[in-house]
Amino acid sequence: MTAIPHHNAIRFQDLETFTTEDVEAAIMRNDPDELPLVPITLAMLSSEPVSAAEVCARLAGHDDPAVRGNAVVALGHLVRRFRSLDERQFKPIIESALRDSQEYVRNSAKSAADEIHQFLHWTIAGHIYG
């Protein structure tokens, strides 16, 4: 994706509340200073865990390792807050991130795997617990 200029635009992290449209606008802007904050903000503040997890799943495949890593760790935060996540859909994302070429993404996946194991008791391939 190419970054869309955002002269004088309000950045996602500056919003006191946000809508689905705000999230989509941040994704479309693809700003490397803004986009990594989107999944973390969703995980910590969204009242809609399913849609927040869907956004994280989309961003887990992003080119930028900061975006990928934050999207994956955000899944763990969502699990800690809401105690649910679709295993069939999200377990492969975590397992793939554990094998990512970037250390930041792998470490984020380890953190997410620990939280998911603690709260949902999943066993995630490629992760050593403890």
C-alpha atoms as a PDB file:
ATOM      1  CA  MET A   1       0.000   0.000   0.000  1.00  0.00           C
ATOM      2  CA  THR A   2       1.131   3.527  -0.691  1.00  0.00           C
ATOM      3  CA  ALA A   3       0.817   6.148   2.009  1.00  0.00           C
ATOM      4  CA  ILE A   4      -1.837   8.745   1.301  1.00  0.00           C
ATOM      5  CA  PRO A   5      -0.807  12.306   2.235  1.00  0.00           C
ATOM      6  CA  HIS A   6      -2.687  13.564   5.264  1.00  0.00           C
ATOM      7  CA  HIS A   7      -1.949  17.274   5.528  1.00  0.00           C
ATOM      8  CA  ASN A   8      -3.577  18.607   8.689  1.00  0.00           C
ATOM      9  CA  ALA A   9      -5.486  15.346   9.154  1.00  0.00           C
ATOM     10  CA  ILE A  10      -6.353  14.225  12.640  1.00  0.00           C
ATOM     11  CA  ARG A  11      -4.349  11.114  13.369  1.00  0.00           C
ATOM     12  CA  PHE A  12      -5.973   8.017  14.804  1.00  0.00           C
ATOM     13  CA  GLN A  13      -4.142   8.246  18.119  1.00  0.00           C
ATOM     14  CA  ASP A  14      -5.442  11.797  18.619  1.00  0.00           C
ATOM     15  CA  LEU A  15      -9.087  10.725  18.604  1.00  0.00           C
ATOM     16  CA  GLU A  16     -10.904  10.554  21.929  1.00  0.00           C
ATOM     17  CA  THR A  17     -13.390   8.101  20.449  1.00  0.00           C
ATOM     18  CA  PHE A  18     -13.286   6.323  17.129  1.00  0.00           C
ATOM     19  CA  THR A  19     -15.590   4.691  14.621  1.00  0.00           C
ATOM     20  CA  THR A  20     -15.130   1.926  12.089  1.00  0.00           C
ATOM     21  CA  GLU A  21     -14.690   4.666   9.492  1.00  0.00           C
ATOM     22  CA  ASP A  22     -11.845   6.196  11.544  1.00  0.00           C
ATOM     23  CA  VAL A  23     -10.112   2.813  11.698  1.00  0.00           C
ATOM     24  CA  GLU A  24     -10.511   2.282   7.954  1.00  0.00           C
ATOM     25  CA  ALA A  25      -9.244   5.812   7.233  1.00  0.00           C
ATOM     26  CA  ALA A  26      -6.111   5.138   9.298  1.00  0.00           C
ATOM     27  CA  ILE A  27      -5.539   1.881   7.428  1.00  0.00           C
ATOM     28  CA  MET A  28      -5.965   3.648   4.085  1.00  0.00           C
ATOM     29  CA  ARG A  29      -3.508   6.417   5.078  1.00  0.00           C
ATOM     30  CA  ASN A  30      -0.948   3.691   5.832  1.00  0.00           C
ATOM     31  CA  ASP A  31       1.129   6.208   7.794  1.00  0.00           C
ATOM     32  CA  PRO A  32       4.077   4.369   9.392  1.00  0.00           C
ATOM     33  CA  ASP A  33       3.858   6.589  12.487  1.00  0.00           C
ATOM     34  CA  GLU A  34       0.107   6.115  12.884  1.00  0.00           C
ATOM     35  CA  LEU A  35      -0.776   2.622  11.700  1.00  0.00           C
ATOM     36  CA  PRO A  36       1.199   0.631  14.314  1.00  0.00           C
ATOM     37  CA  LEU A  37      -0.924   2.309  17.003  1.00  0.00           C
ATOM     38  CA  VAL A  38      -4.239   1.247  15.490  1.00  0.00           C
ATOM     39  CA  PRO A  39      -4.285  -2.414  16.651  1.00  0.00           C
ATOM     40  CA  ILE A  40      -3.035  -1.522  20.130  1.00  0.00           C
ATOM     41  CA  THR A  41      -5.657   1.206  20.499  1.00  0.00           C
ATOM     42  CA  LEU A  42      -8.379  -1.157  19.319  1.00  0.00           C
ATOM     43  CA  ALA A  43      -7.252  -3.881  21.710  1.00  0.00           C
ATOM     44  CA  MET A  44      -7.230  -1.550  24.675  1.00  0.00           C
ATOM     45  CA  LEU A  45     -10.306   0.580  23.988  1.00  0.00           C
ATOM     46  CA  SER A  46     -12.703  -1.121  21.594  1.00  0.00           C
ATOM     47  CA  SER A  47     -15.965  -2.440  22.958  1.00  0.00           C
ATOM     48  CA  GLU A  48     -16.315  -4.718  19.912  1.00  0.00           C
ATOM     49  CA  PRO A  49     -13.806  -7.563  20.289  1.00  0.00           C
ATOM     50  CA  VAL A  50     -14.801  -9.420  17.130  1.00  0.00           C
ATOM     51  CA  SER A  51     -14.358  -6.436  14.821  1.00  0.00           C
ATOM     52  CA  ALA A  52     -11.161  -5.402  16.645  1.00  0.00           C
ATOM     53  CA  ALA A  53      -9.744  -8.902  16.163  1.00  0.00           C
ATOM     54  CA  GLU A  54     -10.690  -8.810  12.467  1.00  0.00           C
ATOM     55  CA  VAL A  55      -8.730  -5.591  12.015  1.00  0.00           C
ATOM     56  CA  CYS A  56      -5.774  -7.146  13.833  1.00  0.00           C
ATOM     57  CA  ALA A  57      -5.958 -10.164  11.534  1.00  0.00           C
ATOM     58  CA  ARG A  58      -5.829  -7.882   8.493  1.00  0.00           C
ATOM     59  CA  LEU A  59      -2.893  -5.918   9.874  1.00  0.00           C
ATOM     60  CA  ALA A  60      -0.984  -9.061  10.894  1.00  0.00           C
ATOM     61  CA  GLY A  61      -0.120  -9.454   7.206  1.00  0.00           C
ATOM     62  CA  HIS A  62       1.120  -5.873   6.719  1.00  0.00           C
ATOM     63  CA  ASP A  63       4.537  -5.176   5.177  1.00  0.00           C
ATOM     64  CA  ASP A  64       5.717  -3.114   8.159  1.00  0.00           C
ATOM     65  CA  PRO A  65       6.985  -5.318  11.012  1.00  0.00           C
ATOM     66  CA  ALA A  66       5.835  -2.765  13.611  1.00  0.00           C
ATOM     67  CA  VAL A  67       2.293  -3.040  12.285  1.00  0.00           C
ATOM     68  CA  ARG A  68       2.476  -6.853  12.104  1.00  0.00           C
ATOM     69  CA  GLY A  69       3.934  -7.170  15.587  1.00  0.00           C
ATOM     70  CA  ASN A  70       1.456  -4.795  17.166  1.00  0.00           C
ATOM     71  CA  ALA A  71      -1.453  -6.499  15.420  1.00  0.00           C
ATOM     72  CA  VAL A  72      -0.397  -9.861  16.824  1.00  0.00           C
ATOM     73  CA  VAL A  73       0.277  -8.655  20.359  1.00  0.00           C
ATOM     74  CA  ALA A  74      -3.087  -6.858  20.261  1.00  0.00           C
ATOM     75  CA  LEU A  75      -4.788 -10.242  19.834  1.00  0.00           C
ATOM     76  CA  GLY A  76      -3.348 -11.247  23.206  1.00  0.00           C
ATOM     77  CA  HIS A  77      -4.607  -8.020  24.747  1.00  0.00           C
ATOM     78  CA  LEU A  78      -8.091  -8.685  23.355  1.00  0.00           C
ATOM     79  CA  VAL A  79      -8.052 -12.145  24.893  1.00  0.00           C
ATOM     80  CA  ARG A  80      -7.024 -10.708  28.255  1.00  0.00           C
ATOM     81  CA  ARG A  81      -9.889  -8.201  28.118  1.00  0.00           C
ATOM     82  CA  PHE A  82     -12.681 -10.355  26.659  1.00  0.00           C
ATOM     83  CA  ARG A  83     -11.604 -13.972  27.314  1.00  0.00           C
ATOM     84  CA  SER A  84     -12.530 -15.157  23.836  1.00  0.00           C
ATOM     85  CA  LEU A  85     -11.089 -15.496  20.335  1.00  0.00           C
ATOM     86  CA  ASP A  86     -11.882 -17.844  17.465  1.00  0.00           C
ATOM     87  CA  GLU A  87      -9.130 -20.459  17.658  1.00  0.00           C
ATOM     88  CA  ARG A  88      -9.520 -21.737  14.096  1.00  0.00           C
ATOM     89  CA  GLN A  89      -9.167 -18.243  12.668  1.00  0.00           C
ATOM     90  CA  PHE A  90      -6.514 -16.710  14.893  1.00  0.00           C
ATOM     91  CA  LYS A  91      -4.248 -19.552  16.032  1.00  0.00           C
ATOM     92  CA  PRO A  92      -2.639 -19.810  12.561  1.00  0.00           C
ATOM     93  CA  ILE A  93      -1.913 -16.068  12.630  1.00  0.00           C
ATOM     94  CA  ILE A  94      -0.053 -16.390  15.936  1.00  0.00           C
ATOM     95  CA  GLU A  95       1.811 -19.492  14.753  1.00  0.00           C
ATOM     96  CA  SER A  96       2.851 -17.747  11.540  1.00  0.00           C
ATOM     97  CA  ALA A  97       4.050 -14.690  13.467  1.00  0.00           C
ATOM     98  CA  LEU A  98       6.213 -16.937  15.657  1.00  0.00           C
ATOM     99  CA  ARG A  99       8.112 -17.804  12.450  1.00  0.00           C
ATOM    100  CA  ASP A 100       8.285 -14.241  11.092  1.00  0.00           C
ATOM    101  CA  SER A 101      11.636 -13.043   9.744  1.00  0.00           C
ATOM    102  CA  GLN A 102      11.551 -10.031  12.077  1.00  0.00           C
ATOM    103  CA  GLU A 103      12.456 -10.443  15.743  1.00  0.00           C
ATOM    104  CA  TYR A 104       9.947  -7.776  16.828  1.00  0.00           C
ATOM    105  CA  VAL A 105       7.100  -9.747  15.280  1.00  0.00           C
ATOM    106  CA  ARG A 106       8.309 -13.026  16.798  1.00  0.00           C
ATOM    107  CA  ASN A 107       8.587 -11.450  20.252  1.00  0.00           C
ATOM    108  CA  SER A 108       5.117  -9.928  19.895  1.00  0.00           C
ATOM    109  CA  ALA A 109       3.770 -13.343  18.934  1.00  0.00           C
ATOM    110  CA  LYS A 110       5.406 -14.891  22.007  1.00  0.00           C
ATOM    111  CA  SER A 111       3.700 -12.331  24.215  1.00  0.00           C
ATOM    112  CA  ALA A 112       0.347 -12.954  22.526  1.00  0.00           C
ATOM    113  CA  ALA A 113       0.796 -16.732  22.805  1.00  0.00           C
ATOM    114  CA  ASP A 114       1.489 -16.424  26.530  1.00  0.00           C
ATOM    115  CA  GLU A 115      -1.663 -14.340  27.120  1.00  0.00           C
ATOM    116  CA  ILE A 116      -3.794 -16.615  24.959  1.00  0.00           C
ATOM    117  CA  HIS A 117      -2.482 -19.703  26.708  1.00  0.00           C
ATOM    118  CA  GLN A 118      -3.090 -18.138  30.128  1.00  0.00           C
ATOM    119  CA  PHE A 119      -6.679 -17.125  29.439  1.00  0.00           C
ATOM    120  CA  LEU A 120      -7.880 -19.587  26.775  1.00  0.00           C
ATOM    121  CA  HIS A 121      -5.497 -22.516  27.383  1.00  0.00           C
ATOM    122  CA  TRP A 122      -4.572 -22.911  23.714  1.00  0.00           C
ATOM    123  CA  THR A 123      -1.413 -24.788  22.856  1.00  0.00           C
ATOM    124  CA  ILE A 124       0.288 -22.869  20.072  1.00  0.00           C
ATOM    125  CA  ALA A 125       2.782 -24.710  17.871  1.00  0.00           C
ATOM    126  CA  GLY A 126       6.252 -23.258  17.965  1.00  0.00           C
ATOM    127  CA  HIS A 127       5.841 -21.588  21.341  1.00  0.00           C
ATOM    128  CA  ILE A 128       7.633 -22.542  24.542  1.00  0.00           C
ATOM    129  CA  TYR A 129       5.565 -21.614  27.574  1.00  0.00           C
ATOM    130  CA  GLY A 130       6.940 -20.114  30.740  1.00  0.00           C
END
